[in-house]
């Protein structure tokens, strides 16, 4: 299993707050490979993607990110960790 990492190097974890672009905020809501999700989300719905995570950005909806997506998207930044 590939460990997902933000461009800054931190490991991606369920519940992480992210910033997308200059002011859009989001949260990691599903970790696909380990089939875990925040309350209100169902990890099994995304199992067909096999890897990566789902990020909910309030202004835009759900996005799938995999290791390549994190490596290429300079606009997606780690913001805060819940614990």
PDB file of N, CA and C in Angstrom:
ATOM      1  N   UNK A   1       0.846  -1.181   0.000  1.00  0.00           N
ATOM      2  CA  UNK A   1       0.000   0.000   0.000  1.00  0.00           C
ATOM      3  C   UNK A   1       0.898   1.253   0.000  1.00  0.00           C
ATOM      4  N   UNK A   2       0.622   2.151  -0.903  1.00  0.00           N
ATOM      5  CA  UNK A   2       1.375   3.397  -0.999  1.00  0.00           C
ATOM      6  C   UNK A   2       0.882   4.384   0.046  1.00  0.00           C
ATOM      7  N   UNK A   3       1.816   4.958   0.780  1.00  0.00           N
ATOM      8  CA  UNK A   3       1.469   5.984   1.765  1.00  0.00           C
ATOM      9  C   UNK A   3       1.214   7.291   1.021  1.00  0.00           C
ATOM     10  N   UNK A   4       0.076   7.888   1.274  1.00  0.00           N
ATOM     11  CA  UNK A   4      -0.248   9.177   0.652  1.00  0.00           C
ATOM     12  C   UNK A   4       0.446  10.278   1.435  1.00  0.00           C
ATOM     13  N   UNK A   5       1.046  11.214   0.715  1.00  0.00           N
ATOM     14  CA  UNK A   5       1.727  12.344   1.345  1.00  0.00           C
ATOM     15  C   UNK A   5       1.380  13.632   0.627  1.00  0.00           C
ATOM     16  N   UNK A   6       1.189  14.668   1.446  1.00  0.00           N
ATOM     17  CA  UNK A   6       1.014  16.006   0.885  1.00  0.00           C
ATOM     18  C   UNK A   6       2.342  16.458   0.297  1.00  0.00           C
ATOM     19  N   UNK A   7       2.311  17.475  -0.554  1.00  0.00           N
ATOM     20  CA  UNK A   7       3.553  17.977  -1.141  1.00  0.00           C
ATOM     21  C   UNK A   7       4.544  18.439  -0.088  1.00  0.00           C
ATOM     22  N   UNK A   8       4.051  18.884   1.074  1.00  0.00           N
ATOM     23  CA  UNK A   8       4.939  19.326   2.155  1.00  0.00           C
ATOM     24  C   UNK A   8       5.582  18.148   2.882  1.00  0.00           C
ATOM     25  N   UNK A   9       5.134  16.908   2.605  1.00  0.00           N
ATOM     26  CA  UNK A   9       5.743  15.715   3.178  1.00  0.00           C
ATOM     27  C   UNK A   9       4.943  15.010   4.256  1.00  0.00           C
ATOM     28  N   UNK A  10       3.925  15.645   4.834  1.00  0.00           N
ATOM     29  CA  UNK A  10       3.140  14.998   5.882  1.00  0.00           C
ATOM     30  C   UNK A  10       2.301  13.860   5.304  1.00  0.00           C
ATOM     31  N   UNK A  11       2.144  12.810   6.093  1.00  0.00           N
ATOM     32  CA  UNK A  11       1.282  11.702   5.706  1.00  0.00           C
ATOM     33  C   UNK A  11      -0.176  12.150   5.754  1.00  0.00           C
ATOM     34  N   UNK A  12      -0.954  11.736   4.761  1.00  0.00           N
ATOM     35  CA  UNK A  12      -2.380  12.052   4.715  1.00  0.00           C
ATOM     36  C   UNK A  12      -3.106  11.147   5.696  1.00  0.00           C
ATOM     37  N   UNK A  13      -3.977  11.735   6.527  1.00  0.00           N
ATOM     38  CA  UNK A  13      -4.754  10.960   7.503  1.00  0.00           C
ATOM     39  C   UNK A  13      -6.220  11.347   7.441  1.00  0.00           C
ATOM     40  N   UNK A  14      -7.061  10.391   7.798  1.00  0.00           N
ATOM     41  CA  UNK A  14      -8.492  10.627   7.872  1.00  0.00           C
ATOM     42  C   UNK A  14      -8.773  11.789   8.815  1.00  0.00           C
ATOM     43  N   UNK A  15      -9.605  12.726   8.383  1.00  0.00           N
ATOM     44  CA  UNK A  15      -9.972  13.867   9.216  1.00  0.00           C
ATOM     45  C   UNK A  15      -9.080  15.083   9.035  1.00  0.00           C
ATOM     46  N   UNK A  16      -8.002  14.958   8.246  1.00  0.00           N
ATOM     47  CA  UNK A  16      -7.139  16.117   8.011  1.00  0.00           C
ATOM     48  C   UNK A  16      -7.920  17.246   7.355  1.00  0.00           C
ATOM     49  N   UNK A  17      -7.643  18.455   7.783  1.00  0.00           N
ATOM     50  CA  UNK A  17      -8.177  19.645   7.114  1.00  0.00           C
ATOM     51  C   UNK A  17      -7.176  20.063   6.058  1.00  0.00           C
ATOM     52  N   UNK A  18      -7.691  20.433   4.891  1.00  0.00           N
ATOM     53  CA  UNK A  18      -6.834  20.855   3.786  1.00  0.00           C
ATOM     54  C   UNK A  18      -7.305  22.201   3.251  1.00  0.00           C
ATOM     55  N   UNK A  19      -6.397  22.857   2.574  1.00  0.00           N
ATOM     56  CA  UNK A  19      -6.738  24.084   1.850  1.00  0.00           C
ATOM     57  C   UNK A  19      -6.548  23.780   0.382  1.00  0.00           C
ATOM     58  N   UNK A  20      -7.529  24.151  -0.408  1.00  0.00           N
ATOM     59  CA  UNK A  20      -7.447  23.943  -1.848  1.00  0.00           C
ATOM     60  C   UNK A  20      -7.532  25.298  -2.503  1.00  0.00           C
ATOM     61  N   UNK A  21      -6.480  25.679  -3.176  1.00  0.00           N
ATOM     62  CA  UNK A  21      -6.424  27.013  -3.759  1.00  0.00           C
ATOM     63  C   UNK A  21      -6.178  28.049  -2.679  1.00  0.00           C
ATOM     64  N   UNK A  22      -6.616  29.259  -2.937  1.00  0.00           N
ATOM     65  CA  UNK A  22      -6.323  30.347  -2.003  1.00  0.00           C
ATOM     66  C   UNK A  22      -7.241  30.377  -0.794  1.00  0.00           C
ATOM     67  N   UNK A  23      -8.479  29.888  -0.916  1.00  0.00           N
ATOM     68  CA  UNK A  23      -9.369  30.022   0.237  1.00  0.00           C
ATOM     69  C   UNK A  23     -10.367  28.885   0.446  1.00  0.00           C
ATOM     70  N   UNK A  24     -10.420  27.895  -0.430  1.00  0.00           N
ATOM     71  CA  UNK A  24     -11.355  26.784  -0.250  1.00  0.00           C
ATOM     72  C   UNK A  24     -10.804  25.815   0.792  1.00  0.00           C
ATOM     73  N   UNK A  25     -11.646  25.398   1.707  1.00  0.00           N
ATOM     74  CA  UNK A  25     -11.251  24.466   2.758  1.00  0.00           C
ATOM     75  C   UNK A  25     -11.962  23.131   2.552  1.00  0.00           C
ATOM     76  N   UNK A  26     -11.282  22.070   2.955  1.00  0.00           N
ATOM     77  CA  UNK A  26     -11.858  20.752   2.820  1.00  0.00           C
ATOM     78  C   UNK A  26     -11.364  19.822   3.900  1.00  0.00           C
ATOM     79  N   UNK A  27     -11.767  18.542   3.782  1.00  0.00           N
ATOM     80  CA  UNK A  27     -11.384  17.553   4.779  1.00  0.00           C
ATOM     81  C   UNK A  27     -11.249  16.191   4.104  1.00  0.00           C
ATOM     82  N   UNK A  28     -10.269  15.416   4.569  1.00  0.00           N
ATOM     83  CA  UNK A  28     -10.115  14.029   4.114  1.00  0.00           C
ATOM     84  C   UNK A  28     -11.206  13.215   4.808  1.00  0.00           C
ATOM     85  N   UNK A  29     -12.137  12.668   4.025  1.00  0.00           N
ATOM     86  CA  UNK A  29     -13.302  12.009   4.611  1.00  0.00           C
ATOM     87  C   UNK A  29     -13.314  10.499   4.443  1.00  0.00           C
ATOM     88  N   UNK A  30     -12.522   9.969   3.496  1.00  0.00           N
ATOM     89  CA  UNK A  30     -12.444   8.517   3.283  1.00  0.00           C
ATOM     90  C   UNK A  30     -11.004   8.159   2.918  1.00  0.00           C
ATOM     91  N   UNK A  31     -10.487   7.128   3.572  1.00  0.00           N
ATOM     92  CA  UNK A  31      -9.206   6.531   3.185  1.00  0.00           C
ATOM     93  C   UNK A  31      -9.569   5.204   2.523  1.00  0.00           C
ATOM     94  N   UNK A  32      -9.390   5.122   1.225  1.00  0.00           N
ATOM     95  CA  UNK A  32      -9.927   4.019   0.433  1.00  0.00           C
ATOM     96  C   UNK A  32      -9.238   2.686   0.707  1.00  0.00           C
ATOM     97  N   UNK A  33      -7.912   2.638   0.679  1.00  0.00           N
ATOM     98  CA  UNK A  33      -7.196   1.357   0.808  1.00  0.00           C
ATOM     99  C   UNK A  33      -7.473   0.661   2.133  1.00  0.00           C
ATOM    100  N   UNK A  34      -7.664   1.426   3.197  1.00  0.00           N
ATOM    101  CA  UNK A  34      -7.913   0.826   4.510  1.00  0.00           C
ATOM    102  C   UNK A  34      -9.396   0.818   4.869  1.00  0.00           C
ATOM    103  N   UNK A  35     -10.224   1.300   3.929  1.00  0.00           N
ATOM    104  CA  UNK A  35     -11.681   1.283   4.089  1.00  0.00           C
ATOM    105  C   UNK A  35     -12.149   1.907   5.395  1.00  0.00           C
ATOM    106  N   UNK A  36     -11.695   3.135   5.655  1.00  0.00           N
ATOM    107  CA  UNK A  36     -12.166   3.896   6.806  1.00  0.00           C
ATOM    108  C   UNK A  36     -12.762   5.206   6.322  1.00  0.00           C
ATOM    109  N   UNK A  37     -13.740   5.688   7.079  1.00  0.00           N
ATOM    110  CA  UNK A  37     -14.427   6.915   6.684  1.00  0.00           C
ATOM    111  C   UNK A  37     -14.928   7.655   7.915  1.00  0.00           C
ATOM    112  N   UNK A  38     -15.075   8.952   7.759  1.00  0.00           N
ATOM    113  CA  UNK A  38     -15.693   9.753   8.817  1.00  0.00           C
ATOM    114  C   UNK A  38     -17.182   9.439   8.874  1.00  0.00           C
ATOM    115  N   UNK A  39     -17.824   9.676  10.020  1.00  0.00           N
ATOM    116  CA  UNK A  39     -19.271   9.471  10.107  1.00  0.00           C
ATOM    117  C   UNK A  39     -19.991  10.255   9.000  1.00  0.00           C
ATOM    118  N   UNK A  40     -20.966   9.606   8.385  1.00  0.00           N
ATOM    119  CA  UNK A  40     -21.712  10.229   7.303  1.00  0.00           C
ATOM    120  C   UNK A  40     -21.204   9.835   5.918  1.00  0.00           C
ATOM    121  N   UNK A  41     -20.077   9.127   5.867  1.00  0.00           N
ATOM    122  CA  UNK A  41     -19.499   8.670   4.604  1.00  0.00           C
ATOM    123  C   UNK A  41     -19.355   7.151   4.672  1.00  0.00           C
ATOM    124  N   UNK A  42     -19.438   6.487   3.527  1.00  0.00           N
ATOM    125  CA  UNK A  42     -19.340   5.030   3.480  1.00  0.00           C
ATOM    126  C   UNK A  42     -18.134   4.663   2.625  1.00  0.00           C
ATOM    127  N   UNK A  43     -17.114   4.120   3.262  1.00  0.00           N
ATOM    128  CA  UNK A  43     -15.877   3.788   2.565  1.00  0.00           C
ATOM    129  C   UNK A  43     -16.114   2.804   1.418  1.00  0.00           C
ATOM    130  N   UNK A  44     -17.014   1.861   1.602  1.00  0.00           N
ATOM    131  CA  UNK A  44     -17.262   0.837   0.582  1.00  0.00           C
ATOM    132  C   UNK A  44     -17.753   1.431  -0.741  1.00  0.00           C
ATOM    133  N   UNK A  45     -18.366   2.591  -0.704  1.00  0.00           N
ATOM    134  CA  UNK A  45     -18.835   3.237  -1.935  1.00  0.00           C
ATOM    135  C   UNK A  45     -17.682   3.588  -2.867  1.00  0.00           C
ATOM    136  N   UNK A  46     -16.490   3.717  -2.317  1.00  0.00           N
ATOM    137  CA  UNK A  46     -15.328   4.145  -3.104  1.00  0.00           C
ATOM    138  C   UNK A  46     -14.306   3.025  -3.273  1.00  0.00           C
ATOM    139  N   UNK A  47     -14.618   1.814  -2.826  1.00  0.00           N
ATOM    140  CA  UNK A  47     -13.669   0.696  -2.875  1.00  0.00           C
ATOM    141  C   UNK A  47     -13.205   0.382  -4.291  1.00  0.00           C
ATOM    142  N   UNK A  48     -14.040   0.614  -5.286  1.00  0.00           N
ATOM    143  CA  UNK A  48     -13.664   0.323  -6.670  1.00  0.00           C
ATOM    144  C   UNK A  48     -12.467   1.158  -7.136  1.00  0.00           C
ATOM    145  N   UNK A  49     -12.171   2.254  -6.443  1.00  0.00           N
ATOM    146  CA  UNK A  49     -11.020   3.085  -6.801  1.00  0.00           C
ATOM    147  C   UNK A  49      -9.697   2.483  -6.307  1.00  0.00           C
ATOM    148  N   UNK A  50      -9.775   1.541  -5.374  1.00  0.00           N
ATOM    149  CA  UNK A  50      -8.662   0.739  -4.855  1.00  0.00           C
ATOM    150  C   UNK A  50      -7.661   1.473  -3.964  1.00  0.00           C
ATOM    151  N   UNK A  51      -7.369   2.722  -4.228  1.00  0.00           N
ATOM    152  CA  UNK A  51      -6.365   3.435  -3.439  1.00  0.00           C
ATOM    153  C   UNK A  51      -6.688   4.932  -3.422  1.00  0.00           C
ATOM    154  N   UNK A  52      -5.951   5.641  -2.592  1.00  0.00           N
ATOM    155  CA  UNK A  52      -6.159   7.080  -2.491  1.00  0.00           C
ATOM    156  C   UNK A  52      -7.136   7.429  -1.386  1.00  0.00           C
ATOM    157  N   UNK A  53      -7.708   8.613  -1.509  1.00  0.00           N
ATOM    158  CA  UNK A  53      -8.667   9.082  -0.517  1.00  0.00           C
ATOM    159  C   UNK A  53      -9.699   9.979  -1.187  1.00  0.00           C
ATOM    160  N   UNK A  54     -10.753  10.242  -0.451  1.00  0.00           N
ATOM    161  CA  UNK A  54     -11.768  11.187  -0.903  1.00  0.00           C
ATOM    162  C   UNK A  54     -11.662  12.428  -0.028  1.00  0.00           C
ATOM    163  N   UNK A  55     -11.692  13.574  -0.677  1.00  0.00           N
ATOM    164  CA  UNK A  55     -11.631  14.852   0.024  1.00  0.00           C
ATOM    165  C   UNK A  55     -12.894  15.624  -0.291  1.00  0.00           C
ATOM    166  N   UNK A  56     -13.566  16.075   0.751  1.00  0.00           N
ATOM    167  CA  UNK A  56     -14.768  16.899   0.610  1.00  0.00           C
ATOM    168  C   UNK A  56     -14.348  18.356   0.716  1.00  0.00           C
ATOM    169  N   UNK A  57     -14.554  19.110  -0.355  1.00  0.00           N
ATOM    170  CA  UNK A  57     -14.289  20.546  -0.358  1.00  0.00           C
ATOM    171  C   UNK A  57     -15.651  21.221  -0.378  1.00  0.00           C
ATOM    172  N   UNK A  58     -15.962  21.957   0.678  1.00  0.00           N
ATOM    173  CA  UNK A  58     -17.304  22.519   0.867  1.00  0.00           C
ATOM    174  C   UNK A  58     -17.818  23.250  -0.370  1.00  0.00           C
ATOM    175  N   UNK A  59     -16.977  24.004  -1.010  1.00  0.00           N
ATOM    176  CA  UNK A  59     -17.417  24.812  -2.147  1.00  0.00           C
ATOM    177  C   UNK A  59     -17.602  24.009  -3.435  1.00  0.00           C
ATOM    178  N   UNK A  60     -17.027  22.783  -3.497  1.00  0.00           N
ATOM    179  CA  UNK A  60     -17.018  22.067  -4.766  1.00  0.00           C
ATOM    180  C   UNK A  60     -17.487  20.627  -4.710  1.00  0.00           C
ATOM    181  N   UNK A  61     -17.491  19.985  -3.547  1.00  0.00           N
ATOM    182  CA  UNK A  61     -17.920  18.597  -3.440  1.00  0.00           C
ATOM    183  C   UNK A  61     -16.782  17.637  -3.178  1.00  0.00           C
ATOM    184  N   UNK A  62     -16.999  16.359  -3.543  1.00  0.00           N
ATOM    185  CA  UNK A  62     -16.029  15.289  -3.286  1.00  0.00           C
ATOM    186  C   UNK A  62     -15.038  15.138  -4.437  1.00  0.00           C
ATOM    187  N   UNK A  63     -13.778  14.929  -4.066  1.00  0.00           N
ATOM    188  CA  UNK A  63     -12.723  14.698  -5.042  1.00  0.00           C
ATOM    189  C   UNK A  63     -11.927  13.462  -4.640  1.00  0.00           C
ATOM    190  N   UNK A  64     -11.530  12.666  -5.622  1.00  0.00           N
ATOM    191  CA  UNK A  64     -10.646  11.530  -5.380  1.00  0.00           C
ATOM    192  C   UNK A  64      -9.211  11.978  -5.606  1.00  0.00           C
ATOM    193  N   UNK A  65      -8.344  11.667  -4.661  1.00  0.00           N
ATOM    194  CA  UNK A  65      -6.918  11.926  -4.806  1.00  0.00           C
ATOM    195  C   UNK A  65      -6.158  10.643  -4.538  1.00  0.00           C
ATOM    196  N   UNK A  66      -5.173  10.359  -5.394  1.00  0.00           N
ATOM    197  CA  UNK A  66      -4.271   9.247  -5.160  1.00  0.00           C
ATOM    198  C   UNK A  66      -2.865   9.813  -4.991  1.00  0.00           C
ATOM    199  N   UNK A  67      -1.860   8.957  -4.865  1.00  0.00           N
ATOM    200  CA  UNK A  67      -0.493   9.423  -4.625  1.00  0.00           C
ATOM    201  C   UNK A  67      -0.029  10.370  -5.730  1.00  0.00           C
ATOM    202  N   UNK A  68      -0.365  10.060  -6.965  1.00  0.00           N
ATOM    203  CA  UNK A  68       0.031  10.919  -8.091  1.00  0.00           C
ATOM    204  C   UNK A  68      -0.665  12.276  -8.018  1.00  0.00           C
ATOM    205  N   UNK A  69      -1.932  12.267  -7.639  1.00  0.00           N
ATOM    206  CA  UNK A  69      -2.673  13.522  -7.506  1.00  0.00           C
ATOM    207  C   UNK A  69      -2.060  14.438  -6.465  1.00  0.00           C
ATOM    208  N   UNK A  70      -1.684  13.876  -5.317  1.00  0.00           N
ATOM    209  CA  UNK A  70      -1.041  14.681  -4.278  1.00  0.00           C
ATOM    210  C   UNK A  70       0.299  15.228  -4.766  1.00  0.00           C
ATOM    211  N   UNK A  71       1.041  14.418  -5.512  1.00  0.00           N
ATOM    212  CA  UNK A  71       2.353  14.838  -5.995  1.00  0.00           C
ATOM    213  C   UNK A  71       2.254  15.967  -7.024  1.00  0.00           C
ATOM    214  N   UNK A  72       1.161  15.986  -7.790  1.00  0.00           N
ATOM    215  CA  UNK A  72       1.036  16.949  -8.878  1.00  0.00           C
ATOM    216  C   UNK A  72       0.252  18.210  -8.522  1.00  0.00           C
ATOM    217  N   UNK A  73      -0.637  18.150  -7.555  1.00  0.00           N
ATOM    218  CA  UNK A  73      -1.518  19.287  -7.275  1.00  0.00           C
ATOM    219  C   UNK A  73      -0.901  20.233  -6.250  1.00  0.00           C
ATOM    220  N   UNK A  74      -0.309  21.291  -6.722  1.00  0.00           N
ATOM    221  CA  UNK A  74       0.322  22.276  -5.850  1.00  0.00           C
ATOM    222  C   UNK A  74      -0.703  23.122  -5.096  1.00  0.00           C
ATOM    223  N   UNK A  75      -1.959  23.060  -5.506  1.00  0.00           N
ATOM    224  CA  UNK A  75      -3.017  23.844  -4.865  1.00  0.00           C
ATOM    225  C   UNK A  75      -3.613  23.179  -3.636  1.00  0.00           C
ATOM    226  N   UNK A  76      -3.367  21.873  -3.455  1.00  0.00           N
ATOM    227  CA  UNK A  76      -3.908  21.142  -2.311  1.00  0.00           C
ATOM    228  C   UNK A  76      -2.859  21.086  -1.213  1.00  0.00           C
ATOM    229  N   UNK A  77      -3.126  21.736  -0.094  1.00  0.00           N
ATOM    230  CA  UNK A  77      -2.149  21.839   0.973  1.00  0.00           C
ATOM    231  C   UNK A  77      -2.723  21.348   2.304  1.00  0.00           C
ATOM    232  N   UNK A  78      -1.880  20.674   3.061  1.00  0.00           N
ATOM    233  CA  UNK A  78      -2.238  20.282   4.435  1.00  0.00           C
ATOM    234  C   UNK A  78      -2.476  21.544   5.254  1.00  0.00           C
ATOM    235  N   UNK A  79      -3.573  21.555   6.039  1.00  0.00           N
ATOM    236  CA  UNK A  79      -3.905  22.720   6.831  1.00  0.00           C
ATOM    237  C   UNK A  79      -3.837  22.427   8.322  1.00  0.00           C
ATOM    238  N   UNK A  80      -4.501  21.352   8.766  1.00  0.00           N
ATOM    239  CA  UNK A  80      -4.504  21.008  10.200  1.00  0.00           C
ATOM    240  C   UNK A  80      -4.882  19.550  10.376  1.00  0.00           C
ATOM    241  N   UNK A  81      -4.411  18.984  11.466  1.00  0.00           N
ATOM    242  CA  UNK A  81      -4.717  17.601  11.821  1.00  0.00           C
ATOM    243  C   UNK A  81      -5.614  17.611  13.049  1.00  0.00           C
ATOM    244  N   UNK A  82      -6.643  16.780  13.029  1.00  0.00           N
ATOM    245  CA  UNK A  82      -7.585  16.752  14.150  1.00  0.00           C
ATOM    246  C   UNK A  82      -6.968  16.133  15.394  1.00  0.00           C
ATOM    247  N   UNK A  83      -6.230  15.053  15.291  1.00  0.00           N
ATOM    248  CA  UNK A  83      -5.447  14.431  16.366  1.00  0.00           C
ATOM    249  C   UNK A  83      -4.805  13.171  15.876  1.00  0.00           C
TER     250      UNK A  83
END
